[in-house]
Amino acid sequence: MDFQRIVSADEELLIELLDRQDELAPAPGEGGLESFGGGVDSLSGGLDRMREGTYVEGEDPGVEAIVRRFTRPVFLVQDSTVTPPADSATFAGGESAVIESRMHDAEAFLKVAIPSVGRIDLANHAMDWCGTGWMVHPEIAVTNRHVAELFAAADGSAFPFRAAEGGRFVKASIDWRREYARPGEAVVRVEEVLWIEPDGGPDLALLRVRASDEDGNPAPVPITLMSQADVDDSVGSWVSVIGYPAQSPYNDLADQQRIFDGIYGVKRVAPGAVMAVTPDGRLHHDATTLGGNSGSVVMDMVTGQAVGLHFGGFEGDRNMAVQAPVVADRLATLV
């Protein structure tokens, strides 16, 4: 995480963080965020160094944990509605009022987008599920190439499902629910893999799904893809990443436990900001994600449109997404 940018680029959030230092810093030895033992003086000093650009990442894990948790939280979803993060009961000081206000302002857009994002489940496969997908057309969902390649492979101009043991084939479906402490399902079968981008191209794949779920309910509505001009102008804009983070061996286990409270594989909403838009069709953002977020939508919180398709990141640095117009270009070749 670029702590200098986080605490300096967003003045409103920085002011709140400074005003609430004494609430957020647990007293030494009183639990709270592990590794933190310096009290408010440690937090204040760490924030000062972050703002000045003299802070060295890793020098105070407790301060980093507070800044990361307060400025880039991860919310649960229940009944298609954003709910407090899993660790709210144990996080000293509570949630950011600034972020809460931004989430409230985007509530109408989130209520539309959340049901259109689902977990990709597998049958006849060693994995129960493999990532996230979301609707971009009435019968087409998008995900990452590296997700789709777990259950399908290119064969000429087609992308058949992979063979499994016993003469069977892998099956894929998308559950539009999979929420924490909610047993309901809304499962649609992936009928066909329409496109998997070749290696070297953007990390995307397009899937044809059934028009209704197993209970006869229509598939959710597509999420509108943002235009290139708007994507180019999106640096600094607030976004929400909607998807299904999974515990990862590649990320710090203590951070994962601290932020996700041991709850994985369910729908989450993670707010953050667009860091950069690159000429090669990528977008960088700083929302909190894990491996299962592959294929998540990166939704602009002002317009409700998809600004990108999340596909990965570098811990402590940046996350990356395929720009929405690139997805639109591939989709246009199929419909």
Protein backbone atom coordinates (compact mmCIF):
# COMPACT_ATOMS: atom_id res chain seq x y z
CA MET A 1 0.00 0.00 0.00
CA ASP A 2 1.28 3.45 -0.93
CA PHE A 3 0.76 4.96 2.51
CA GLN A 4 1.94 8.43 1.52
CA ARG A 5 -0.62 8.60 -1.26
CA ILE A 6 -3.37 7.11 0.91
CA VAL A 7 -2.97 9.66 3.71
CA SER A 8 -2.15 12.65 1.49
CA ALA A 9 -4.27 12.39 -1.67
CA ASP A 10 -7.63 12.29 0.11
CA GLU A 11 -7.79 15.37 2.34
CA GLU A 12 -11.25 14.61 3.73
CA LEU A 13 -10.24 11.12 4.83
CA LEU A 14 -6.91 12.35 6.21
CA ILE A 15 -8.61 14.99 8.37
CA GLU A 16 -10.90 12.35 9.83
CA LEU A 17 -7.98 10.01 10.46
CA LEU A 18 -6.06 12.74 12.28
CA ASP A 19 -9.11 13.84 14.29
CA ARG A 20 -9.79 10.30 15.45
CA GLN A 21 -6.28 9.14 16.28
CA ASP A 22 -6.98 8.67 19.97
CA GLU A 23 -10.05 6.53 19.19
CA LEU A 24 -8.27 4.33 16.69
CA ALA A 25 -5.11 3.62 18.66
CA PRO A 26 -5.64 0.91 21.29
CA ALA A 27 -3.80 1.42 24.56
CA PRO A 28 -0.57 -0.60 24.83
CA GLY A 29 -1.26 -4.17 25.85
CA GLU A 30 -5.02 -3.88 25.50
CA GLY A 31 -5.46 -6.10 22.47
CA GLY A 32 -7.09 -4.65 19.39
CA LEU A 33 -4.98 -4.77 16.28
CA GLU A 34 -2.11 -7.16 16.90
CA SER A 35 1.42 -5.78 16.63
CA PHE A 36 0.24 -2.35 17.76
CA GLY A 37 1.63 -1.28 21.10
CA GLY A 38 2.62 2.35 20.78
CA GLY A 39 -0.67 4.10 21.56
CA VAL A 40 -1.68 7.37 19.99
CA ASP A 41 1.89 8.75 19.94
CA SER A 42 3.01 5.87 17.72
CA LEU A 43 0.03 6.36 15.41
CA SER A 44 0.54 10.13 15.23
CA GLY A 45 4.24 9.78 14.48
CA GLY A 46 3.61 7.13 11.85
CA LEU A 47 0.99 9.31 10.15
CA ASP A 48 3.36 12.27 10.13
CA ARG A 49 6.09 10.23 8.46
CA MET A 50 3.62 8.81 5.94
CA ARG A 51 2.52 12.32 4.98
CA GLU A 52 6.12 13.51 4.69
CA GLY A 53 7.16 10.52 2.60
CA THR A 54 9.81 9.42 5.11
CA TYR A 55 7.91 6.36 6.35
CA VAL A 56 9.46 3.00 5.45
CA GLU A 57 6.90 0.27 4.84
CA GLY A 58 7.12 -2.42 7.47
CA GLU A 59 8.64 -0.25 10.21
CA ASP A 60 5.43 -0.22 12.26
CA PRO A 61 2.96 -2.99 11.31
CA GLY A 62 0.45 -1.80 13.88
CA VAL A 63 0.22 1.70 12.42
CA GLU A 64 -0.02 0.22 8.94
CA ALA A 65 -2.81 -2.10 10.07
CA ILE A 66 -4.87 0.80 11.42
CA VAL A 67 -4.39 2.94 8.31
CA ARG A 68 -5.14 0.03 5.99
CA ARG A 69 -8.19 -1.10 7.96
CA PHE A 70 -9.64 2.40 8.44
CA THR A 71 -9.03 3.77 4.95
CA ARG A 72 -9.58 0.64 2.84
CA PRO A 73 -12.10 -1.58 4.66
CA VAL A 74 -13.88 -4.61 3.21
CA PHE A 75 -17.64 -4.83 3.75
CA LEU A 76 -19.79 -7.93 3.88
CA VAL A 77 -22.92 -8.30 1.74
CA GLN A 78 -26.17 -9.69 3.15
CA ASP A 79 -29.45 -9.71 1.25
CA SER A 80 -27.69 -7.77 -1.54
CA THR A 81 -27.00 -4.94 0.92
CA VAL A 82 -23.64 -3.70 2.21
CA THR A 83 -23.13 -4.47 5.91
CA PRO A 84 -20.29 -3.56 8.31
CA PRO A 85 -16.94 -5.33 7.98
CA ALA A 86 -16.61 -8.64 9.78
CA ASP A 87 -14.24 -7.25 12.42
CA SER A 88 -16.27 -4.15 13.31
CA ALA A 89 -16.92 -5.40 16.83
CA THR A 90 -13.18 -5.61 17.59
CA PHE A 91 -11.84 -2.65 15.63
CA ALA A 92 -11.10 0.24 17.98
CA GLY A 93 -12.74 3.51 17.00
CA GLY A 94 -15.29 2.12 14.58
CA GLU A 95 -15.69 2.81 10.89
CA SER A 96 -14.74 5.87 8.87
CA ALA A 97 -17.64 8.29 8.68
CA VAL A 98 -16.21 9.64 5.41
CA ILE A 99 -16.25 6.22 3.77
CA GLU A 100 -19.65 5.46 5.28
CA SER A 101 -20.99 8.64 3.66
CA ARG A 102 -19.50 7.72 0.28
CA MET A 103 -20.96 4.24 0.48
CA HIS A 104 -24.33 5.74 1.37
CA ASP A 105 -24.18 8.10 -1.62
CA ALA A 106 -23.48 5.10 -3.88
CA GLU A 107 -26.14 2.91 -2.27
CA ALA A 108 -28.57 3.01 -5.21
CA PHE A 109 -25.82 1.95 -7.65
CA LEU A 110 -24.55 -0.76 -5.33
CA LYS A 111 -28.03 -2.26 -4.99
CA VAL A 112 -28.18 -2.62 -8.76
CA ALA A 113 -24.64 -3.93 -9.23
CA ILE A 114 -24.33 -6.32 -6.28
CA PRO A 115 -26.92 -8.86 -7.56
CA SER A 116 -25.17 -8.90 -10.96
CA VAL A 117 -21.92 -10.26 -9.49
CA GLY A 118 -21.57 -13.95 -8.66
CA ARG A 119 -19.19 -16.67 -7.54
CA ILE A 120 -18.06 -19.12 -10.21
CA ASP A 121 -18.58 -22.62 -8.82
CA LEU A 122 -17.22 -25.84 -10.31
CA ALA A 123 -18.31 -29.48 -10.45
CA ASN A 124 -16.15 -32.48 -11.42
CA HIS A 125 -13.11 -30.43 -10.43
CA ALA A 126 -10.62 -30.41 -7.56
CA MET A 127 -11.75 -26.86 -6.73
CA ASP A 128 -15.25 -26.03 -5.48
CA TRP A 129 -15.04 -22.52 -6.90
CA CYS A 130 -12.49 -20.46 -8.78
CA GLY A 131 -13.31 -16.75 -8.89
CA THR A 132 -15.85 -14.05 -9.66
CA GLY A 133 -17.93 -13.12 -12.71
CA TRP A 134 -20.46 -10.42 -13.55
CA MET A 135 -23.07 -9.68 -16.18
CA VAL A 136 -22.14 -7.50 -19.17
CA HIS A 137 -24.98 -8.55 -21.50
CA PRO A 138 -28.40 -10.17 -20.87
CA GLU A 139 -26.90 -13.66 -21.30
CA ILE A 140 -23.15 -13.05 -21.06
CA ALA A 141 -20.90 -12.79 -18.02
CA VAL A 142 -17.26 -11.69 -17.92
CA THR A 143 -14.41 -13.07 -15.84
CA ASN A 144 -10.64 -13.41 -16.15
CA ARG A 145 -8.79 -15.62 -18.61
CA HIS A 146 -6.90 -17.26 -15.75
CA VAL A 147 -10.23 -18.12 -14.10
CA ALA A 148 -11.90 -19.52 -17.23
CA GLU A 149 -8.84 -21.61 -18.09
CA LEU A 150 -9.46 -23.66 -14.96
CA PHE A 151 -12.58 -25.16 -16.55
CA ALA A 152 -12.22 -24.60 -20.32
CA ALA A 153 -9.48 -24.48 -22.96
CA ALA A 154 -9.13 -23.24 -26.52
CA ASP A 155 -9.63 -25.82 -29.26
CA GLY A 156 -9.50 -24.09 -32.61
CA SER A 157 -12.18 -21.41 -32.55
CA ALA A 158 -14.10 -23.03 -29.67
CA PHE A 159 -13.51 -23.26 -25.92
CA PRO A 160 -14.87 -26.61 -24.69
CA PHE A 161 -15.06 -27.56 -21.03
CA ARG A 162 -12.10 -29.53 -19.75
CA ALA A 163 -12.30 -33.30 -19.40
CA ALA A 164 -12.56 -34.75 -15.91
CA GLU A 165 -12.16 -38.29 -14.57
CA GLY A 166 -14.54 -41.04 -15.61
CA GLY A 167 -15.36 -39.57 -19.00
CA ARG A 168 -17.04 -36.55 -17.42
CA PHE A 169 -16.42 -32.87 -18.09
CA VAL A 170 -15.96 -30.00 -15.71
CA LYS A 171 -19.13 -27.97 -15.19
CA ALA A 172 -19.26 -24.32 -14.22
CA SER A 173 -22.09 -22.27 -12.75
CA ILE A 174 -22.46 -18.83 -11.24
CA ASP A 175 -24.18 -18.26 -7.89
CA TRP A 176 -25.37 -14.66 -7.70
CA ARG A 177 -25.74 -14.92 -3.91
CA ARG A 178 -23.17 -16.78 -1.74
CA GLU A 179 -23.52 -14.25 1.05
CA TYR A 180 -22.28 -14.47 4.62
CA ALA A 181 -24.73 -16.22 6.98
CA ARG A 182 -27.36 -16.37 4.25
CA PRO A 183 -28.26 -19.83 2.87
CA GLY A 184 -30.05 -18.65 -0.27
CA GLU A 185 -28.73 -19.44 -3.76
CA ALA A 186 -29.34 -18.07 -7.24
CA VAL A 187 -27.45 -20.44 -9.53
CA VAL A 188 -27.20 -20.25 -13.31
CA ARG A 189 -25.34 -22.75 -15.47
CA VAL A 190 -22.48 -21.57 -17.65
CA GLU A 191 -23.67 -23.02 -20.95
CA GLU A 192 -20.73 -22.06 -23.13
CA VAL A 193 -17.38 -20.34 -22.94
CA LEU A 194 -17.58 -17.81 -25.75
CA TRP A 195 -14.11 -16.34 -25.61
CA ILE A 196 -10.83 -16.73 -23.73
CA GLU A 197 -8.30 -14.05 -24.55
CA PRO A 198 -4.98 -15.52 -25.76
CA ASP A 199 -1.87 -15.19 -23.60
CA GLY A 200 -0.38 -11.75 -23.95
CA GLY A 201 -3.77 -10.08 -24.29
CA PRO A 202 -5.97 -8.65 -21.55
CA ASP A 203 -6.91 -11.09 -18.78
CA LEU A 204 -10.55 -11.63 -19.72
CA ALA A 205 -13.03 -14.30 -20.81
CA LEU A 206 -16.69 -14.20 -21.78
CA LEU A 207 -19.24 -16.83 -20.72
CA ARG A 208 -22.74 -17.50 -21.98
CA VAL A 209 -25.08 -18.22 -19.07
CA ARG A 210 -28.63 -19.46 -18.94
CA ALA A 211 -31.33 -16.81 -19.09
CA SER A 212 -32.78 -17.91 -15.73
CA ASP A 213 -31.55 -19.55 -12.55
CA GLU A 214 -32.56 -22.96 -11.19
CA ASP A 215 -35.71 -21.46 -9.65
CA GLY A 216 -36.79 -19.80 -12.88
CA ASN A 217 -35.75 -16.29 -11.87
CA PRO A 218 -34.24 -14.21 -14.68
CA ALA A 219 -30.50 -13.60 -14.71
CA PRO A 220 -29.51 -10.27 -13.18
CA VAL A 221 -29.18 -7.14 -15.27
CA PRO A 222 -25.89 -6.30 -17.01
CA ILE A 223 -23.60 -3.69 -15.47
CA THR A 224 -22.98 -0.81 -17.87
CA LEU A 225 -19.41 -0.51 -19.14
CA MET A 226 -17.81 2.93 -18.86
CA SER A 227 -16.66 4.77 -21.99
CA GLN A 228 -12.97 5.27 -22.75
CA ALA A 229 -13.19 9.02 -22.20
CA ASP A 230 -14.65 8.52 -18.73
CA VAL A 231 -12.12 5.82 -17.85
CA ASP A 232 -9.29 8.13 -18.91
CA ASP A 233 -10.71 10.74 -16.55
CA SER A 234 -11.21 8.35 -13.62
CA VAL A 235 -7.87 8.70 -11.79
CA GLY A 236 -8.63 9.57 -8.18
CA SER A 237 -12.26 8.48 -8.47
CA TRP A 238 -13.72 6.25 -5.77
CA VAL A 239 -14.69 2.75 -6.78
CA SER A 240 -16.07 -0.39 -5.18
CA VAL A 241 -14.70 -3.82 -6.00
CA ILE A 242 -17.50 -6.41 -5.73
CA GLY A 243 -16.45 -10.04 -5.57
CA TYR A 244 -15.46 -13.08 -3.53
CA PRO A 245 -12.08 -12.81 -1.80
CA ALA A 246 -10.49 -16.15 -0.87
CA GLN A 247 -7.75 -16.78 1.67
CA SER A 248 -4.43 -16.60 -0.13
CA PRO A 249 -1.02 -18.12 0.65
CA TYR A 250 0.55 -15.24 -1.26
CA ASN A 251 -0.70 -12.48 1.05
CA ASP A 252 0.22 -11.80 4.66
CA LEU A 253 -1.83 -14.23 6.76
CA ALA A 254 -2.03 -11.91 9.78
CA ASP A 255 -3.34 -9.07 7.60
CA GLN A 256 -5.92 -11.38 6.04
CA GLN A 257 -7.15 -12.55 9.43
CA ARG A 258 -7.24 -8.99 10.73
CA ILE A 259 -9.19 -7.59 7.80
CA PHE A 260 -11.40 -10.54 6.81
CA ASP A 261 -11.91 -12.06 10.28
CA GLY A 262 -11.46 -15.57 8.88
CA ILE A 263 -14.47 -15.24 6.57
CA TYR A 264 -13.75 -16.05 2.92
CA GLY A 265 -15.58 -17.12 -0.23
CA VAL A 266 -18.61 -14.87 0.33
CA LYS A 267 -19.66 -11.68 -1.44
CA ARG A 268 -17.82 -8.55 -0.37
CA VAL A 269 -17.62 -4.88 -1.33
CA ALA A 270 -14.25 -3.14 -1.03
CA PRO A 271 -14.04 0.63 -1.62
CA GLY A 272 -10.88 2.27 -2.92
CA ALA A 273 -9.60 4.72 -5.49
CA VAL A 274 -8.33 4.56 -9.07
CA MET A 275 -4.57 5.07 -8.97
CA ALA A 276 -3.68 5.14 -12.66
CA VAL A 277 -4.97 4.46 -16.17
CA THR A 278 -2.29 3.05 -18.45
CA PRO A 279 -1.98 3.13 -22.28
CA ASP A 280 -1.95 -0.68 -22.45
CA GLY A 281 -5.61 -0.96 -21.39
CA ARG A 282 -4.99 -1.50 -17.69
CA LEU A 283 -6.21 0.36 -14.65
CA HIS A 284 -4.60 0.44 -11.19
CA HIS A 285 -6.64 0.69 -7.99
CA ASP A 286 -6.05 0.30 -4.26
CA ALA A 287 -9.15 -1.45 -2.93
CA THR A 288 -8.46 -4.40 -0.63
CA THR A 289 -8.65 -7.69 -2.56
CA LEU A 290 -7.54 -11.33 -2.42
CA GLY A 291 -7.22 -14.13 -4.95
CA GLY A 292 -10.91 -15.00 -5.21
CA ASN A 293 -11.55 -11.44 -6.35
CA SER A 294 -10.22 -12.42 -9.78
CA GLY A 295 -12.98 -11.42 -12.18
CA SER A 296 -14.55 -8.84 -9.84
CA VAL A 297 -16.21 -5.71 -11.15
CA VAL A 298 -14.54 -2.39 -10.33
CA MET A 299 -17.59 -0.11 -10.09
CA ASP A 300 -17.38 3.67 -10.20
CA MET A 301 -19.22 4.98 -7.13
CA VAL A 302 -20.46 8.17 -8.82
CA THR A 303 -21.96 6.67 -11.99
CA GLY A 304 -22.56 3.03 -11.06
CA GLN A 305 -20.75 1.97 -14.23
CA ALA A 306 -18.00 -0.62 -14.48
CA VAL A 307 -14.63 1.09 -14.87
CA GLY A 308 -12.75 -2.19 -15.00
CA LEU A 309 -12.41 -5.95 -14.55
CA HIS A 310 -10.12 -6.77 -11.62
CA PHE A 311 -7.52 -9.44 -12.34
CA GLY A 312 -4.69 -9.25 -9.80
CA GLY A 313 -2.19 -7.12 -7.99
CA PHE A 314 1.03 -6.69 -6.08
CA GLU A 315 0.70 -6.73 -2.30
CA GLY A 316 1.61 -3.40 -0.78
CA ASP A 317 1.74 -1.70 -4.17
CA ARG A 318 -1.30 -1.77 -6.45
CA ASN A 319 -4.13 -3.85 -7.85
CA MET A 320 -4.83 -4.12 -11.55
CA ALA A 321 -7.91 -4.31 -13.77
CA VAL A 322 -8.72 -4.53 -17.46
CA GLN A 323 -10.26 -1.24 -18.53
CA ALA A 324 -14.01 -1.49 -19.22
CA PRO A 325 -13.75 -0.36 -22.90
CA VAL A 326 -11.45 -3.32 -23.59
CA VAL A 327 -14.19 -5.63 -22.29
CA ALA A 328 -16.72 -3.76 -24.44
CA ASP A 329 -14.56 -4.23 -27.54
CA ARG A 330 -14.36 -8.01 -27.06
CA LEU A 331 -18.06 -8.22 -26.31
CA ALA A 332 -18.90 -6.31 -29.49
CA THR A 333 -17.31 -9.07 -31.58
CA LEU A 334 -19.78 -11.62 -30.15
CA VAL A 335 -23.13 -9.77 -30.09
